[in-house]
């Protein structure tokens, strides 16, 4: 089962602001695949294909995370590997980044005991909003990324983390919550 651990973005004001940013990005006519509004989330850990038998063990790892609810400020537009060569476009996390890194570290530690390898690239909190599929009109896209580098998107309360299933379809992925852990 293809899966990941996330903080879901469900605040309608934040989602509407992200939608407007995606519309601006699409206006550049760069061929890209925006993330569907209902799928906007912050990935704490991509698990990939896991056996169904591991779901309850992963859930126990999530239950062991020590973290209280906190505010997450979403601000700024950027890209991986870099703004001048965008492949993945994201909005950043300013306030709450340290809390997210702490949660990620705890999850990685618990998952390592289950034989799940840690991320080798490190963890930098961000929310992917689009994936660039072609270099056509790249200069227009880079200009927009630079103009919106400090765009303010909003603040949301992070109250839970979720284990999600990613079901790949021809119309895009469908994400289904398998388990949810409330922060307390």
N, C-alpha and C. Protein backbone atom coordinates (compact mmCIF):
# COMPACT_ATOMS: atom_id res chain seq x y z
N UNK A 1 0.84 -1.18 0.00
CA UNK A 1 0.00 0.00 0.00
C UNK A 1 0.89 1.25 0.00
N UNK A 2 0.67 2.14 -0.96
CA UNK A 2 1.44 3.39 -1.05
C UNK A 2 0.93 4.35 0.03
N UNK A 3 1.85 4.88 0.85
CA UNK A 3 1.39 5.69 1.97
C UNK A 3 2.40 6.76 2.39
N UNK A 4 1.92 7.67 3.23
CA UNK A 4 2.75 8.75 3.77
C UNK A 4 2.13 9.25 5.06
N UNK A 5 2.90 10.03 5.81
CA UNK A 5 2.43 10.65 7.06
C UNK A 5 2.39 12.15 6.82
N UNK A 6 1.28 12.80 7.23
CA UNK A 6 1.12 14.20 6.87
C UNK A 6 0.45 15.05 7.95
N UNK A 7 0.57 16.35 7.71
CA UNK A 7 -0.27 17.36 8.35
C UNK A 7 -1.14 17.88 7.21
N UNK A 8 -2.44 17.67 7.31
CA UNK A 8 -3.33 18.11 6.24
C UNK A 8 -3.67 19.58 6.40
N UNK A 9 -3.80 20.28 5.28
CA UNK A 9 -4.20 21.68 5.28
C UNK A 9 -5.69 21.71 4.94
N UNK A 10 -6.49 22.12 5.92
CA UNK A 10 -7.94 22.11 5.73
C UNK A 10 -8.57 23.49 5.93
N UNK A 11 -7.77 24.48 6.28
CA UNK A 11 -8.26 25.85 6.48
C UNK A 11 -8.67 26.42 5.12
N UNK A 12 -9.95 26.79 4.97
CA UNK A 12 -10.47 27.22 3.66
C UNK A 12 -9.81 28.52 3.17
N UNK A 13 -9.49 29.44 4.07
CA UNK A 13 -8.84 30.68 3.66
C UNK A 13 -7.45 30.40 3.08
N UNK A 14 -6.69 29.55 3.75
CA UNK A 14 -5.35 29.17 3.27
C UNK A 14 -5.46 28.44 1.94
N UNK A 15 -6.40 27.50 1.85
CA UNK A 15 -6.57 26.75 0.60
C UNK A 15 -6.96 27.68 -0.56
N UNK A 16 -7.81 28.67 -0.30
CA UNK A 16 -8.21 29.62 -1.34
C UNK A 16 -7.01 30.46 -1.80
N UNK A 17 -6.17 30.87 -0.85
CA UNK A 17 -4.97 31.65 -1.22
C UNK A 17 -4.01 30.80 -2.05
N UNK A 18 -3.86 29.54 -1.69
CA UNK A 18 -3.00 28.63 -2.47
C UNK A 18 -3.59 28.44 -3.86
N UNK A 19 -4.91 28.33 -3.97
CA UNK A 19 -5.56 28.19 -5.28
C UNK A 19 -5.25 29.40 -6.17
N UNK A 20 -5.31 30.60 -5.60
CA UNK A 20 -5.01 31.81 -6.38
C UNK A 20 -3.55 31.82 -6.84
N UNK A 21 -2.65 31.35 -5.99
CA UNK A 21 -1.24 31.26 -6.38
C UNK A 21 -1.09 30.26 -7.52
N UNK A 22 -1.76 29.12 -7.42
CA UNK A 22 -1.68 28.12 -8.49
C UNK A 22 -2.21 28.69 -9.81
N UNK A 23 -3.28 29.47 -9.74
CA UNK A 23 -3.82 30.10 -10.96
C UNK A 23 -2.79 31.04 -11.58
N UNK A 24 -2.10 31.80 -10.74
CA UNK A 24 -1.04 32.69 -11.22
C UNK A 24 0.08 31.89 -11.89
N UNK A 25 0.47 30.79 -11.25
CA UNK A 25 1.51 29.94 -11.82
C UNK A 25 1.08 29.37 -13.17
N UNK A 26 -0.17 28.91 -13.25
CA UNK A 26 -0.68 28.33 -14.49
C UNK A 26 -0.78 29.37 -15.61
N UNK A 27 -0.96 30.64 -15.23
CA UNK A 27 -1.06 31.71 -16.24
C UNK A 27 0.25 31.89 -17.02
N UNK A 28 1.35 31.34 -16.51
CA UNK A 28 2.64 31.43 -17.22
C UNK A 28 2.66 30.49 -18.43
N UNK A 29 1.70 29.57 -18.48
CA UNK A 29 1.57 28.57 -19.54
C UNK A 29 2.70 27.53 -19.50
N UNK A 30 3.36 27.44 -18.34
CA UNK A 30 4.33 26.37 -18.13
C UNK A 30 3.54 25.09 -17.91
N UNK A 31 3.97 24.00 -18.52
CA UNK A 31 3.28 22.74 -18.34
C UNK A 31 3.62 22.21 -16.95
N UNK A 32 2.60 22.18 -16.08
CA UNK A 32 2.79 21.72 -14.71
C UNK A 32 1.55 20.99 -14.24
N UNK A 33 1.73 20.19 -13.20
CA UNK A 33 0.64 19.46 -12.59
C UNK A 33 0.42 20.04 -11.20
N UNK A 34 -0.64 20.88 -11.04
CA UNK A 34 -0.90 21.41 -9.70
C UNK A 34 -1.48 20.32 -8.78
N UNK A 35 -1.21 20.44 -7.50
CA UNK A 35 -1.79 19.53 -6.51
C UNK A 35 -3.25 19.95 -6.32
N UNK A 36 -4.14 18.96 -6.36
CA UNK A 36 -5.57 19.24 -6.19
C UNK A 36 -5.82 19.85 -4.82
N UNK A 37 -6.79 20.78 -4.76
CA UNK A 37 -7.10 21.51 -3.53
C UNK A 37 -7.32 20.55 -2.35
N UNK A 38 -8.05 19.46 -2.59
CA UNK A 38 -8.36 18.53 -1.50
C UNK A 38 -7.15 17.68 -1.08
N UNK A 39 -6.06 17.76 -1.84
CA UNK A 39 -4.86 16.97 -1.54
C UNK A 39 -3.72 17.79 -0.95
N UNK A 40 -3.94 19.08 -0.70
CA UNK A 40 -2.88 19.94 -0.16
C UNK A 40 -2.53 19.48 1.26
N UNK A 41 -1.24 19.19 1.48
CA UNK A 41 -0.78 18.72 2.78
C UNK A 41 0.72 18.95 2.92
N UNK A 42 1.20 18.81 4.13
CA UNK A 42 2.63 18.85 4.40
C UNK A 42 3.05 17.41 4.70
N UNK A 43 3.96 16.87 3.92
CA UNK A 43 4.43 15.50 4.13
C UNK A 43 5.48 15.47 5.23
N UNK A 44 5.18 14.75 6.29
CA UNK A 44 6.16 14.54 7.35
C UNK A 44 7.09 13.39 7.01
N UNK A 45 6.55 12.38 6.32
CA UNK A 45 7.35 11.21 5.94
C UNK A 45 6.64 10.48 4.80
N UNK A 46 7.34 10.34 3.67
CA UNK A 46 6.82 9.52 2.57
C UNK A 46 7.27 8.09 2.84
N UNK A 47 6.34 7.18 2.92
CA UNK A 47 6.65 5.78 3.23
C UNK A 47 6.77 4.92 1.98
N UNK A 48 6.12 5.32 0.90
CA UNK A 48 6.12 4.50 -0.31
C UNK A 48 5.25 3.28 -0.11
N UNK A 49 5.61 2.20 -0.75
CA UNK A 49 4.84 0.95 -0.63
C UNK A 49 5.17 0.26 0.69
N UNK A 50 4.14 0.04 1.50
CA UNK A 50 4.33 -0.66 2.77
C UNK A 50 3.34 -1.83 2.85
N UNK A 51 3.69 -2.87 3.59
CA UNK A 51 2.72 -3.96 3.79
C UNK A 51 1.57 -3.47 4.68
N UNK A 52 0.36 -3.90 4.38
CA UNK A 52 -0.82 -3.54 5.17
C UNK A 52 -0.60 -3.92 6.64
N UNK A 53 0.13 -4.99 6.88
CA UNK A 53 0.39 -5.46 8.25
C UNK A 53 1.14 -4.43 9.09
N UNK A 54 1.82 -3.47 8.45
CA UNK A 54 2.59 -2.46 9.20
C UNK A 54 1.74 -1.28 9.67
N UNK A 55 0.51 -1.15 9.18
CA UNK A 55 -0.30 0.03 9.50
C UNK A 55 -0.43 0.25 11.00
N UNK A 56 -0.79 -0.81 11.74
CA UNK A 56 -0.97 -0.64 13.19
C UNK A 56 0.34 -0.33 13.90
N UNK A 57 1.44 -0.89 13.41
CA UNK A 57 2.74 -0.58 14.02
C UNK A 57 3.14 0.87 13.76
N UNK A 58 2.88 1.36 12.56
CA UNK A 58 3.16 2.77 12.24
C UNK A 58 2.26 3.67 13.09
N UNK A 59 1.01 3.27 13.25
CA UNK A 59 0.07 4.02 14.10
C UNK A 59 0.62 4.12 15.52
N UNK A 60 1.18 3.03 16.05
CA UNK A 60 1.76 3.07 17.40
C UNK A 60 2.93 4.06 17.46
N UNK A 61 3.71 4.12 16.39
CA UNK A 61 4.81 5.11 16.33
C UNK A 61 4.22 6.52 16.41
N UNK A 62 3.15 6.77 15.65
CA UNK A 62 2.53 8.10 15.67
C UNK A 62 1.96 8.42 17.05
N UNK A 63 1.38 7.41 17.71
CA UNK A 63 0.83 7.62 19.06
C UNK A 63 1.93 7.98 20.07
N UNK A 64 3.17 7.56 19.79
CA UNK A 64 4.27 7.83 20.72
C UNK A 64 4.87 9.23 20.55
N UNK A 65 4.46 9.96 19.52
CA UNK A 65 5.00 11.30 19.27
C UNK A 65 4.56 12.25 20.39
N UNK A 66 5.53 12.94 20.93
CA UNK A 66 5.27 13.91 21.99
C UNK A 66 5.28 15.31 21.38
N UNK A 67 4.08 15.89 21.23
CA UNK A 67 3.95 17.24 20.69
C UNK A 67 2.59 17.79 21.05
N UNK A 68 2.56 19.07 21.35
CA UNK A 68 1.31 19.76 21.63
C UNK A 68 0.84 20.47 20.36
N UNK A 69 -0.46 20.79 20.26
CA UNK A 69 -0.92 21.57 19.10
C UNK A 69 -0.11 22.88 19.00
N UNK A 70 0.10 23.34 17.78
CA UNK A 70 0.89 24.55 17.57
C UNK A 70 0.41 25.26 16.31
N UNK A 71 0.82 26.53 16.21
CA UNK A 71 0.48 27.32 15.02
C UNK A 71 1.54 27.13 13.95
N UNK A 72 1.08 27.01 12.71
CA UNK A 72 1.98 26.90 11.57
C UNK A 72 1.67 28.07 10.64
N UNK A 73 2.68 28.92 10.42
CA UNK A 73 2.53 30.04 9.49
C UNK A 73 3.07 29.62 8.13
N UNK A 74 2.22 29.76 7.12
CA UNK A 74 2.58 29.40 5.76
C UNK A 74 2.87 30.69 5.00
N UNK A 75 4.11 30.79 4.50
CA UNK A 75 4.54 32.04 3.86
C UNK A 75 5.65 31.75 2.87
N UNK A 76 5.59 32.41 1.73
CA UNK A 76 6.67 32.33 0.76
C UNK A 76 6.47 31.23 -0.26
N UNK A 77 6.93 31.52 -1.48
CA UNK A 77 6.85 30.57 -2.58
C UNK A 77 8.27 30.24 -3.01
N UNK A 78 8.53 28.97 -3.25
CA UNK A 78 9.86 28.56 -3.66
C UNK A 78 9.79 27.32 -4.53
N UNK A 79 10.96 26.77 -4.85
CA UNK A 79 11.01 25.60 -5.72
C UNK A 79 12.22 24.75 -5.42
N UNK A 80 12.07 23.46 -5.66
CA UNK A 80 13.20 22.52 -5.63
C UNK A 80 13.51 22.16 -7.06
N UNK A 81 14.75 21.95 -7.48
CA UNK A 81 15.93 22.04 -6.63
C UNK A 81 16.30 23.48 -6.27
N UNK A 82 15.88 24.46 -7.10
CA UNK A 82 16.08 25.88 -6.78
C UNK A 82 15.14 26.70 -7.64
N UNK A 83 14.95 27.95 -7.24
CA UNK A 83 14.00 28.83 -7.93
C UNK A 83 14.36 29.01 -9.41
N UNK A 84 15.63 29.05 -9.73
CA UNK A 84 16.05 29.26 -11.12
C UNK A 84 15.85 28.01 -11.99
N UNK A 85 15.62 26.87 -11.35
CA UNK A 85 15.38 25.63 -12.09
C UNK A 85 14.26 24.85 -11.40
N UNK A 86 13.01 25.38 -11.47
CA UNK A 86 11.91 24.79 -10.70
C UNK A 86 11.43 23.45 -11.25
N UNK A 87 11.37 22.45 -10.38
CA UNK A 87 10.77 21.15 -10.71
C UNK A 87 9.56 20.90 -9.80
N UNK A 88 9.73 21.25 -8.51
CA UNK A 88 8.65 21.14 -7.53
C UNK A 88 8.44 22.53 -6.94
N UNK A 89 7.20 23.02 -7.00
CA UNK A 89 6.89 24.34 -6.47
C UNK A 89 6.18 24.16 -5.13
N UNK A 90 6.61 24.94 -4.15
CA UNK A 90 6.09 24.79 -2.80
C UNK A 90 5.84 26.13 -2.13
N UNK A 91 5.01 26.08 -1.07
CA UNK A 91 4.87 27.22 -0.17
C UNK A 91 5.58 26.82 1.12
N UNK A 92 6.20 27.79 1.75
CA UNK A 92 7.05 27.52 2.90
C UNK A 92 6.34 27.60 4.24
N UNK A 93 7.04 27.12 5.25
CA UNK A 93 6.55 27.18 6.62
C UNK A 93 7.55 28.01 7.42
N UNK A 94 7.07 29.08 8.03
CA UNK A 94 7.92 29.95 8.83
C UNK A 94 7.75 29.54 10.31
N UNK A 95 6.69 29.99 10.91
CA UNK A 95 6.40 29.63 12.30
C UNK A 95 5.91 28.18 12.33
N UNK A 96 6.42 27.42 13.28
CA UNK A 96 6.02 26.02 13.41
C UNK A 96 7.01 25.06 12.77
N UNK A 97 8.00 25.58 12.06
CA UNK A 97 8.97 24.71 11.38
C UNK A 97 9.75 23.86 12.38
N UNK A 98 10.14 24.44 13.51
CA UNK A 98 10.91 23.67 14.50
C UNK A 98 10.06 22.55 15.10
N UNK A 99 8.78 22.84 15.37
CA UNK A 99 7.88 21.81 15.90
C UNK A 99 7.73 20.67 14.89
N UNK A 100 7.61 21.01 13.60
CA UNK A 100 7.48 19.99 12.56
C UNK A 100 8.75 19.15 12.46
N UNK A 101 9.91 19.80 12.56
CA UNK A 101 11.17 19.06 12.51
C UNK A 101 11.28 18.10 13.69
N UNK A 102 10.82 18.53 14.86
CA UNK A 102 10.84 17.68 16.04
C UNK A 102 9.92 16.47 15.86
N UNK A 103 8.73 16.69 15.33
CA UNK A 103 7.79 15.58 15.07
C UNK A 103 8.40 14.62 14.05
N UNK A 104 8.98 15.17 12.99
CA UNK A 104 9.62 14.35 11.95
C UNK A 104 10.72 13.47 12.55
N UNK A 105 11.54 14.08 13.41
CA UNK A 105 12.65 13.35 14.04
C UNK A 105 12.12 12.18 14.88
N UNK A 106 11.05 12.43 15.64
CA UNK A 106 10.46 11.37 16.46
C UNK A 106 9.88 10.24 15.59
N UNK A 107 9.21 10.62 14.51
CA UNK A 107 8.65 9.63 13.59
C UNK A 107 9.76 8.79 12.97
N UNK A 108 10.81 9.44 12.49
CA UNK A 108 11.94 8.73 11.88
C UNK A 108 12.55 7.73 12.87
N UNK A 109 12.70 8.15 14.11
CA UNK A 109 13.29 7.28 15.13
C UNK A 109 12.42 6.05 15.35
N UNK A 110 11.12 6.25 15.46
CA UNK A 110 10.20 5.13 15.67
C UNK A 110 10.12 4.21 14.47
N UNK A 111 10.13 4.78 13.27
CA UNK A 111 10.03 3.98 12.05
C UNK A 111 11.30 3.17 11.81
N UNK A 112 12.44 3.72 12.22
CA UNK A 112 13.72 3.01 12.06
C UNK A 112 13.65 1.66 12.78
N UNK A 113 12.97 1.64 13.93
CA UNK A 113 12.82 0.40 14.71
C UNK A 113 11.96 -0.62 13.97
N UNK A 114 11.15 -0.14 13.01
CA UNK A 114 10.31 -1.04 12.20
C UNK A 114 11.02 -1.45 10.91
N UNK A 115 12.27 -0.96 10.75
CA UNK A 115 13.03 -1.31 9.55
C UNK A 115 12.78 -0.37 8.38
N UNK A 116 12.13 0.77 8.64
CA UNK A 116 11.88 1.76 7.58
C UNK A 116 13.03 2.76 7.59
N UNK A 117 13.68 2.89 6.46
CA UNK A 117 14.87 3.74 6.35
C UNK A 117 14.53 5.23 6.51
N UNK A 118 15.44 5.97 7.15
CA UNK A 118 15.23 7.42 7.28
C UNK A 118 15.46 8.13 5.96
N UNK A 119 14.91 9.35 5.86
CA UNK A 119 15.14 10.19 4.68
C UNK A 119 16.62 10.55 4.63
N UNK A 120 17.19 10.49 3.44
CA UNK A 120 18.61 10.84 3.29
C UNK A 120 18.79 12.31 2.94
N UNK A 121 17.74 12.95 2.44
CA UNK A 121 17.85 14.35 1.99
C UNK A 121 17.60 15.35 3.10
N UNK A 122 17.25 14.89 4.28
CA UNK A 122 16.91 15.82 5.34
C UNK A 122 15.46 16.24 5.22
N UNK A 123 14.98 17.00 6.19
CA UNK A 123 13.58 17.40 6.22
C UNK A 123 13.49 18.91 6.33
N UNK A 124 12.90 19.53 5.34
CA UNK A 124 12.66 20.98 5.34
C UNK A 124 11.15 21.16 5.15
N UNK A 125 10.43 21.62 6.20
CA UNK A 125 8.97 21.72 6.09
C UNK A 125 8.53 22.61 4.92
N UNK A 126 7.67 22.06 4.08
CA UNK A 126 7.11 22.78 2.94
C UNK A 126 5.83 22.07 2.49
N UNK A 127 5.04 22.76 1.70
CA UNK A 127 3.80 22.20 1.16
C UNK A 127 3.90 22.27 -0.36
N UNK A 128 4.00 21.12 -1.00
CA UNK A 128 4.09 21.08 -2.46
C UNK A 128 2.75 21.50 -3.05
N UNK A 129 2.80 22.44 -4.03
CA UNK A 129 1.55 22.88 -4.67
C UNK A 129 1.52 22.58 -6.17
N UNK A 130 2.69 22.26 -6.77
CA UNK A 130 2.71 21.92 -8.20
C UNK A 130 4.03 21.25 -8.56
N UNK A 131 3.97 20.46 -9.63
CA UNK A 131 5.18 19.82 -10.18
C UNK A 131 5.32 20.26 -11.63
N UNK A 132 6.49 20.80 -11.96
CA UNK A 132 6.75 21.30 -13.31
C UNK A 132 7.09 20.12 -14.21
N UNK A 133 6.44 20.06 -15.38
CA UNK A 133 6.61 18.93 -16.29
C UNK A 133 7.44 19.28 -17.52
N UNK A 134 7.71 20.58 -17.74
CA UNK A 134 8.45 20.99 -18.93
C UNK A 134 9.15 22.32 -18.66
N UNK A 135 10.22 22.60 -19.41
CA UNK A 135 10.97 23.84 -19.24
C UNK A 135 10.43 25.00 -20.06
N UNK A 136 9.38 24.77 -20.86
CA UNK A 136 8.80 25.82 -21.71
C UNK A 136 8.30 26.99 -20.86
N UNK A 137 8.61 28.21 -21.25
CA UNK A 137 8.20 29.44 -20.55
C UNK A 137 8.79 29.53 -19.14
N UNK A 138 9.90 28.85 -18.91
CA UNK A 138 10.49 28.81 -17.57
C UNK A 138 10.80 30.21 -17.04
N UNK A 139 11.24 31.11 -17.89
CA UNK A 139 11.61 32.46 -17.42
C UNK A 139 10.40 33.17 -16.82
N UNK A 140 9.21 32.97 -17.38
CA UNK A 140 7.99 33.58 -16.81
C UNK A 140 7.71 33.00 -15.44
N UNK A 141 7.90 31.69 -15.31
CA UNK A 141 7.65 31.03 -14.03
C UNK A 141 8.64 31.52 -12.97
N UNK A 142 9.91 31.61 -13.34
CA UNK A 142 10.94 32.07 -12.41
C UNK A 142 10.62 33.49 -11.92
N UNK A 143 10.13 34.33 -12.84
CA UNK A 143 9.75 35.71 -12.48
C UNK A 143 8.65 35.70 -11.42
N UNK A 144 7.62 34.87 -11.61
CA UNK A 144 6.52 34.78 -10.64
C UNK A 144 7.03 34.25 -9.30
N UNK A 145 7.89 33.23 -9.35
CA UNK A 145 8.45 32.68 -8.11
C UNK A 145 9.20 33.75 -7.33
N UNK A 146 9.95 34.57 -8.03
CA UNK A 146 10.69 35.65 -7.36
C UNK A 146 9.75 36.72 -6.82
N UNK A 147 8.70 37.04 -7.58
CA UNK A 147 7.74 38.06 -7.13
C UNK A 147 6.98 37.61 -5.88
N UNK A 148 6.72 36.32 -5.78
CA UNK A 148 5.92 35.80 -4.67
C UNK A 148 6.76 35.11 -3.59
N UNK A 149 8.06 35.39 -3.60
CA UNK A 149 8.97 34.74 -2.65
C UNK A 149 8.58 34.98 -1.19
N UNK A 150 7.92 36.10 -0.90
CA UNK A 150 7.53 36.43 0.47
C UNK A 150 6.02 36.50 0.66
N UNK A 151 5.26 35.91 -0.23
CA UNK A 151 3.79 35.99 -0.16
C UNK A 151 3.29 35.40 1.17
N UNK A 152 2.39 36.13 1.81
CA UNK A 152 1.81 35.66 3.07
C UNK A 152 0.55 34.87 2.75
N UNK A 153 0.48 33.66 3.28
CA UNK A 153 -0.64 32.78 2.96
C UNK A 153 -1.56 32.59 4.15
N UNK A 154 -1.03 32.45 5.33
CA UNK A 154 -1.89 32.33 6.51
C UNK A 154 -1.29 31.50 7.62
N UNK A 155 -2.04 31.46 8.71
CA UNK A 155 -1.64 30.71 9.90
C UNK A 155 -2.74 29.70 10.21
N UNK A 156 -2.34 28.47 10.48
CA UNK A 156 -3.31 27.45 10.86
C UNK A 156 -2.84 26.72 12.11
N UNK A 157 -3.77 26.14 12.81
CA UNK A 157 -3.47 25.35 14.00
C UNK A 157 -3.21 23.91 13.57
N UNK A 158 -2.07 23.36 13.98
CA UNK A 158 -1.78 21.95 13.72
C UNK A 158 -2.20 21.18 14.97
N UNK A 159 -3.21 20.34 14.80
CA UNK A 159 -3.76 19.60 15.94
C UNK A 159 -3.64 18.09 15.79
N UNK A 160 -3.23 17.63 14.59
CA UNK A 160 -3.13 16.18 14.40
C UNK A 160 -2.15 15.84 13.29
N UNK A 161 -1.72 14.59 13.29
CA UNK A 161 -0.93 14.04 12.19
C UNK A 161 -1.66 12.80 11.69
N UNK A 162 -1.51 12.51 10.41
CA UNK A 162 -2.29 11.44 9.81
C UNK A 162 -1.42 10.49 8.99
N UNK A 163 -1.77 9.22 9.06
CA UNK A 163 -1.22 8.21 8.17
C UNK A 163 -2.20 8.11 7.02
N UNK A 164 -1.71 8.35 5.80
CA UNK A 164 -2.57 8.41 4.61
C UNK A 164 -2.19 7.34 3.61
N UNK A 165 -3.19 6.87 2.89
CA UNK A 165 -2.97 5.99 1.75
C UNK A 165 -3.07 6.85 0.50
N UNK A 166 -2.18 6.62 -0.45
CA UNK A 166 -2.21 7.31 -1.74
C UNK A 166 -2.61 6.30 -2.80
N UNK A 167 -3.80 6.51 -3.36
CA UNK A 167 -4.31 5.63 -4.40
C UNK A 167 -4.11 6.35 -5.73
N UNK A 168 -3.22 5.82 -6.57
CA UNK A 168 -2.92 6.47 -7.85
C UNK A 168 -3.99 6.10 -8.88
N UNK A 169 -4.55 7.15 -9.52
CA UNK A 169 -5.55 6.94 -10.58
C UNK A 169 -5.13 7.75 -11.80
N UNK A 170 -5.78 7.52 -12.91
CA UNK A 170 -5.46 8.27 -14.13
C UNK A 170 -5.82 9.75 -13.99
N UNK A 171 -6.72 10.09 -13.07
CA UNK A 171 -7.11 11.49 -12.85
C UNK A 171 -6.32 12.15 -11.73
N UNK A 172 -5.33 11.42 -11.20
CA UNK A 172 -4.53 11.96 -10.11
C UNK A 172 -4.73 11.12 -8.86
N UNK A 173 -3.91 11.38 -7.83
CA UNK A 173 -3.99 10.56 -6.63
C UNK A 173 -5.22 10.87 -5.79
N UNK A 174 -5.68 9.86 -5.08
CA UNK A 174 -6.75 10.02 -4.09
C UNK A 174 -6.11 9.66 -2.75
N UNK A 175 -6.24 10.57 -1.78
CA UNK A 175 -5.65 10.34 -0.47
C UNK A 175 -6.74 9.96 0.51
N UNK A 176 -6.48 8.89 1.25
CA UNK A 176 -7.45 8.37 2.21
C UNK A 176 -6.77 8.29 3.57
N UNK A 177 -7.40 8.86 4.60
CA UNK A 177 -6.84 8.80 5.95
C UNK A 177 -7.04 7.40 6.51
N UNK A 178 -5.93 6.77 6.91
CA UNK A 178 -5.97 5.44 7.52
C UNK A 178 -6.02 5.53 9.03
N UNK A 179 -5.22 6.45 9.60
CA UNK A 179 -5.17 6.66 11.05
C UNK A 179 -4.89 8.14 11.30
N UNK A 180 -5.42 8.63 12.42
CA UNK A 180 -5.17 10.02 12.82
C UNK A 180 -4.79 10.04 14.30
N UNK A 181 -3.79 10.85 14.62
CA UNK A 181 -3.35 11.01 15.99
C UNK A 181 -3.47 12.48 16.36
N UNK A 182 -4.22 12.77 17.40
CA UNK A 182 -4.37 14.14 17.89
C UNK A 182 -3.15 14.51 18.73
N UNK A 183 -2.65 15.73 18.54
CA UNK A 183 -1.55 16.22 19.36
C UNK A 183 -2.13 16.71 20.68
N UNK A 184 -1.47 16.40 21.80
CA UNK A 184 -1.97 16.87 23.09
C UNK A 184 -0.84 17.30 24.00
